[in-house]
Protein backbone atom coordinates (compact mmCIF):
# COMPACT_ATOMS: atom_id res chain seq x y z
CA MET A 1 -0.08 0.02 -0.04
CA VAL A 2 1.27 3.42 -0.98
CA LYS A 3 0.65 6.11 1.68
CA ASP A 4 -0.91 8.70 -0.57
CA GLU A 5 -3.39 6.20 -2.19
CA PRO A 6 -6.75 4.98 -0.87
CA LEU A 7 -6.39 2.10 1.49
CA THR A 8 -7.19 -1.32 -0.17
CA PRO A 9 -7.31 -3.89 2.68
CA LYS A 10 -9.23 -7.14 2.50
CA ALA A 11 -10.55 -6.66 6.07
CA VAL A 12 -10.72 -3.99 8.74
CA ILE A 13 -10.17 -4.43 12.54
CA PHE A 14 -11.38 -2.06 15.18
CA ASP A 15 -10.58 -1.41 18.73
CA MET A 16 -13.75 -0.86 20.71
CA ASP A 17 -13.45 1.51 23.79
CA GLY A 18 -12.40 5.00 22.98
CA LEU A 19 -12.16 4.20 19.32
CA MET A 20 -15.79 3.34 18.52
CA LEU A 21 -17.52 3.81 21.89
CA ASP A 22 -17.23 6.92 23.98
CA THR A 23 -16.52 4.83 27.13
CA GLU A 24 -12.91 5.53 28.13
CA ARG A 25 -13.82 8.78 29.93
CA LEU A 26 -16.38 6.93 31.90
CA ALA A 27 -13.97 4.16 32.86
CA VAL A 28 -11.37 6.57 34.06
CA THR A 29 -13.94 8.38 36.09
CA MET A 30 -15.42 5.23 37.61
CA ARG A 31 -12.12 3.54 38.28
CA THR A 32 -11.08 6.55 40.41
CA LYS A 33 -14.53 6.83 42.02
CA ALA A 34 -14.42 3.13 42.94
CA ALA A 35 -11.04 3.40 44.50
CA LYS A 36 -12.15 6.41 46.55
CA GLU A 37 -15.19 4.66 47.85
CA LEU A 38 -12.80 1.92 49.15
CA GLY A 39 -10.47 4.54 50.79
CA TRP A 40 -7.91 4.96 48.00
CA GLU A 41 -6.88 7.78 45.86
CA LEU A 42 -6.00 6.94 42.12
CA SER A 43 -4.77 9.84 40.08
CA GLU A 44 -6.27 10.34 36.61
CA GLU A 45 -2.75 10.42 35.28
CA LEU A 46 -2.09 7.00 36.71
CA VAL A 47 -5.35 5.58 35.27
CA LEU A 48 -4.65 7.01 31.82
CA ARG A 49 -1.51 5.07 31.65
CA THR A 50 -3.62 1.97 31.45
CA ILE A 51 -5.75 3.01 28.58
CA GLY A 52 -6.10 0.17 25.90
CA MET A 53 -4.52 -2.51 28.13
CA ASP A 54 -6.00 -5.68 29.33
CA GLU A 55 -6.83 -6.09 33.02
CA GLY A 56 -3.71 -8.05 33.78
CA SER A 57 -1.50 -5.29 32.51
CA THR A 58 -3.70 -2.64 34.08
CA LYS A 59 -3.56 -4.38 37.51
CA LYS A 60 0.29 -4.58 37.34
CA ILE A 61 0.65 -0.84 36.76
CA ILE A 62 -1.72 0.17 39.44
CA VAL A 63 -0.57 -2.38 42.05
CA ASP A 64 3.05 -1.57 41.37
CA PHE A 65 2.32 2.06 41.95
CA CYS A 66 -0.05 1.70 44.91
CA GLY A 67 1.49 -1.34 46.65
CA PRO A 68 0.19 -4.93 47.00
CA GLU A 69 -2.32 -3.92 49.65
CA PHE A 70 -4.31 -2.03 47.09
CA PRO A 71 -7.79 -3.81 46.66
CA TYR A 72 -7.58 -4.12 42.92
CA ASP A 73 -10.18 -6.87 42.35
CA LYS A 74 -12.75 -5.17 44.60
CA THR A 75 -12.06 -1.84 42.91
CA LEU A 76 -12.61 -3.54 39.46
CA GLU A 77 -15.83 -5.06 40.64
CA LEU A 78 -17.18 -1.80 41.99
CA MET A 79 -16.07 0.15 38.88
CA ARG A 80 -17.96 -2.30 36.58
CA GLU A 81 -21.06 -1.93 38.70
CA LEU A 82 -20.79 1.81 38.57
CA ILE A 83 -20.25 1.69 34.74
CA PHE A 84 -23.14 -0.82 34.28
CA ASN A 85 -25.50 1.46 36.15
CA GLN A 86 -24.51 4.61 34.36
CA CYS A 87 -24.84 2.94 30.85
CA GLU A 88 -28.09 1.20 31.71
CA LYS A 89 -29.51 4.67 32.66
CA GLU A 90 -27.83 6.86 29.80
CA GLY A 91 -26.83 4.39 27.18
CA ILE A 92 -23.47 4.25 25.40
CA SER A 93 -22.49 6.91 22.85
CA HIS A 94 -20.51 6.35 19.66
CA ARG A 95 -17.42 8.21 18.86
CA PRO A 96 -17.85 10.81 16.17
CA GLY A 97 -18.22 9.43 12.56
CA LEU A 98 -18.62 5.73 13.55
CA LEU A 99 -21.71 4.96 11.55
CA VAL A 100 -20.33 6.96 8.58
CA LEU A 101 -17.41 4.76 8.49
CA LEU A 102 -19.16 1.47 9.17
CA ASN A 103 -21.73 2.27 6.43
CA HIS A 104 -19.02 3.19 3.90
CA LEU A 105 -17.12 -0.11 4.61
CA SER A 106 -20.40 -1.98 4.19
CA ARG A 107 -20.91 -0.40 0.91
CA LEU A 108 -17.48 -1.34 -0.20
CA GLN A 109 -18.34 -4.96 1.02
CA LEU A 110 -15.24 -5.00 3.19
CA PRO A 111 -15.56 -7.34 6.28
CA PHE A 112 -14.72 -5.84 9.59
CA GLY A 113 -14.34 -7.15 13.11
CA ILE A 114 -13.26 -6.16 16.59
CA ALA A 115 -10.13 -6.67 18.73
CA THR A 116 -10.76 -5.42 22.29
CA SER A 117 -9.08 -5.80 25.51
CA THR A 118 -12.53 -6.03 27.23
CA PRO A 119 -13.87 -9.63 28.21
CA ARG A 120 -16.36 -10.96 25.65
CA GLU A 121 -19.47 -10.80 27.78
CA ILE A 122 -18.86 -7.22 28.65
CA ALA A 123 -17.97 -6.32 25.11
CA ARG A 124 -21.14 -7.82 23.69
CA TRP A 125 -23.14 -5.91 26.28
CA LYS A 126 -21.53 -2.63 25.43
CA LEU A 127 -21.91 -3.18 21.70
CA GLU A 128 -25.52 -4.21 22.12
CA LYS A 129 -26.19 -1.15 24.29
CA ALA A 130 -24.61 0.99 21.62
CA GLY A 131 -26.73 -0.56 18.92
CA ILE A 132 -23.88 -2.00 16.80
CA LEU A 133 -23.34 -5.48 17.91
CA GLU A 134 -24.76 -7.04 14.71
CA ARG A 135 -22.59 -4.98 12.56
CA PHE A 136 -19.48 -7.09 13.12
CA SER A 137 -18.84 -10.44 11.69
CA VAL A 138 -16.14 -11.54 14.27
CA MET A 139 -14.92 -10.42 17.69
CA ALA A 140 -11.57 -11.13 19.58
CA CYS A 141 -11.68 -10.32 23.25
CA GLY A 142 -9.36 -9.88 26.11
CA ASP A 143 -10.24 -13.06 27.72
CA GLU A 144 -9.54 -15.15 24.62
CA VAL A 145 -5.77 -14.54 24.35
CA GLU A 146 -2.95 -15.23 26.68
CA ARG A 147 -1.35 -11.80 26.26
CA GLY A 148 -3.26 -8.59 26.00
CA LYS A 149 -2.26 -5.36 24.24
CA PRO A 150 0.46 -4.19 23.60
CA ALA A 151 1.20 -7.77 22.66
CA PRO A 152 -0.16 -8.57 19.15
CA ASP A 153 -2.19 -11.65 20.09
CA ILE A 154 -5.64 -10.18 19.97
CA PHE A 155 -5.18 -8.53 16.49
CA LEU A 156 -3.68 -11.76 15.19
CA LEU A 157 -6.78 -13.59 16.48
CA ALA A 158 -9.04 -11.12 14.89
CA ALA A 159 -7.24 -11.39 11.41
CA LYS A 160 -7.43 -15.25 11.70
CA ARG A 161 -11.13 -15.11 12.40
CA LEU A 162 -11.58 -12.72 9.52
CA GLY A 163 -9.71 -15.25 7.25
CA GLN A 164 -7.06 -12.79 6.28
CA ALA A 165 -3.26 -12.51 6.69
CA PRO A 166 -2.31 -9.64 9.02
CA GLN A 167 -0.80 -7.64 6.36
CA ASN A 168 -3.94 -7.72 4.38
CA CYS A 169 -5.94 -5.90 7.17
CA ILE A 170 -6.11 -2.40 8.48
CA GLY A 171 -6.41 -1.78 12.24
CA PHE A 172 -8.07 1.07 13.82
CA GLU A 173 -6.77 2.30 17.35
CA ASP A 174 -6.85 5.10 19.73
CA SER A 175 -4.42 4.09 22.36
CA PRO A 176 -0.53 3.73 22.46
CA ALA A 177 -0.86 0.11 23.70
CA GLY A 178 -3.25 -0.66 20.72
CA LEU A 179 -0.92 0.96 18.14
CA THR A 180 2.01 -1.01 19.58
CA ALA A 181 0.06 -4.19 19.20
CA LEU A 182 -0.96 -3.48 15.55
CA HIS A 183 2.66 -2.81 14.73
CA ALA A 184 3.85 -6.00 16.48
CA ALA A 185 1.19 -7.95 14.48
CA GLY A 186 2.21 -6.47 11.10
CA ILE A 187 -1.11 -4.74 10.54
CA PRO A 188 -0.98 -1.15 9.11
CA SER A 189 -2.70 1.21 11.59
CA VAL A 190 -5.11 4.15 11.54
CA TYR A 191 -4.83 6.27 14.66
CA VAL A 192 -7.84 8.28 15.94
CA LYS A 193 -6.89 9.95 19.13
CA ASP A 194 -9.32 9.89 22.14
CA LEU A 195 -7.87 10.65 25.63
CA VAL A 196 -4.11 9.83 25.28
CA GLU A 197 -1.64 11.21 22.73
CA ALA A 198 0.65 8.56 21.43
CA PRO A 199 4.27 9.23 21.92
CA GLU A 200 6.56 10.11 18.98
CA GLU A 201 8.26 6.72 18.99
CA ILE A 202 4.86 5.00 18.51
CA LEU A 203 3.55 7.49 16.02
CA ARG A 204 6.30 6.64 13.62
CA TRP A 205 4.64 3.24 13.19
CA VAL A 206 1.18 4.72 12.34
CA TRP A 207 0.17 4.23 8.76
CA ARG A 208 -2.48 7.00 8.77
CA ARG A 209 -3.86 9.45 11.38
CA CYS A 210 -7.43 10.95 11.31
CA GLY A 211 -9.29 13.45 13.42
CA ASP A 212 -12.31 11.27 13.54
CA LEU A 213 -13.88 8.26 12.12
CA ALA A 214 -15.81 10.00 9.35
CA GLU A 215 -12.61 11.50 8.05
CA ALA A 216 -11.14 7.94 8.13
CA ALA A 217 -13.91 6.82 5.78
CA GLU A 218 -12.33 9.04 3.11
CA LEU A 219 -9.15 6.83 3.22
CA PHE A 220 -10.96 4.03 1.57
CA GLY A 221 -11.95 5.87 -1.56
CA PRO A 222 -15.56 6.58 -2.89
């Protein structure tokens, strides 16, 4: 693929939280709130370091910082309860341009799937709540791989389920961990920033960068 030409992949792989669904801000808020209710202070800066990572990697970062006495599992349980209650009440919003991009890829008859660090049961609930579960032909979830992002496993699994070699896919990500995973998987990446700016050493791996998902639709031609 030439950088100035329209992308011509055989399949497209999407991250979920922060890329398609506007859920990362809620997760950061509710993780810090859950910790506070249990008598601990978590800084937003610390939680933002975990964006895009699976729970194992997230736990290591937080426990390494706070110490082994930090009640990570109880905090996670309470955080998920707070998120569930909020989303049941207010729903889950799309990131800007999502439906424009999905509809465009459907018109082009390009198959697309999901590679998310979120466990499958929770991912399906989020996608259903957002009204887009049925749009995706395959899913690869955080509880289905041994190593989460920034390891490539989850993207390799998604590509396999789409029936394509990694180099024939395009991956969409919003987080440094996800972009690192795409690079390790050999999948060209499209970066759409949400909460965290990727550092320069990761940006050099990015195939394209877009302001939102509607802009990204233009990459695939008319």
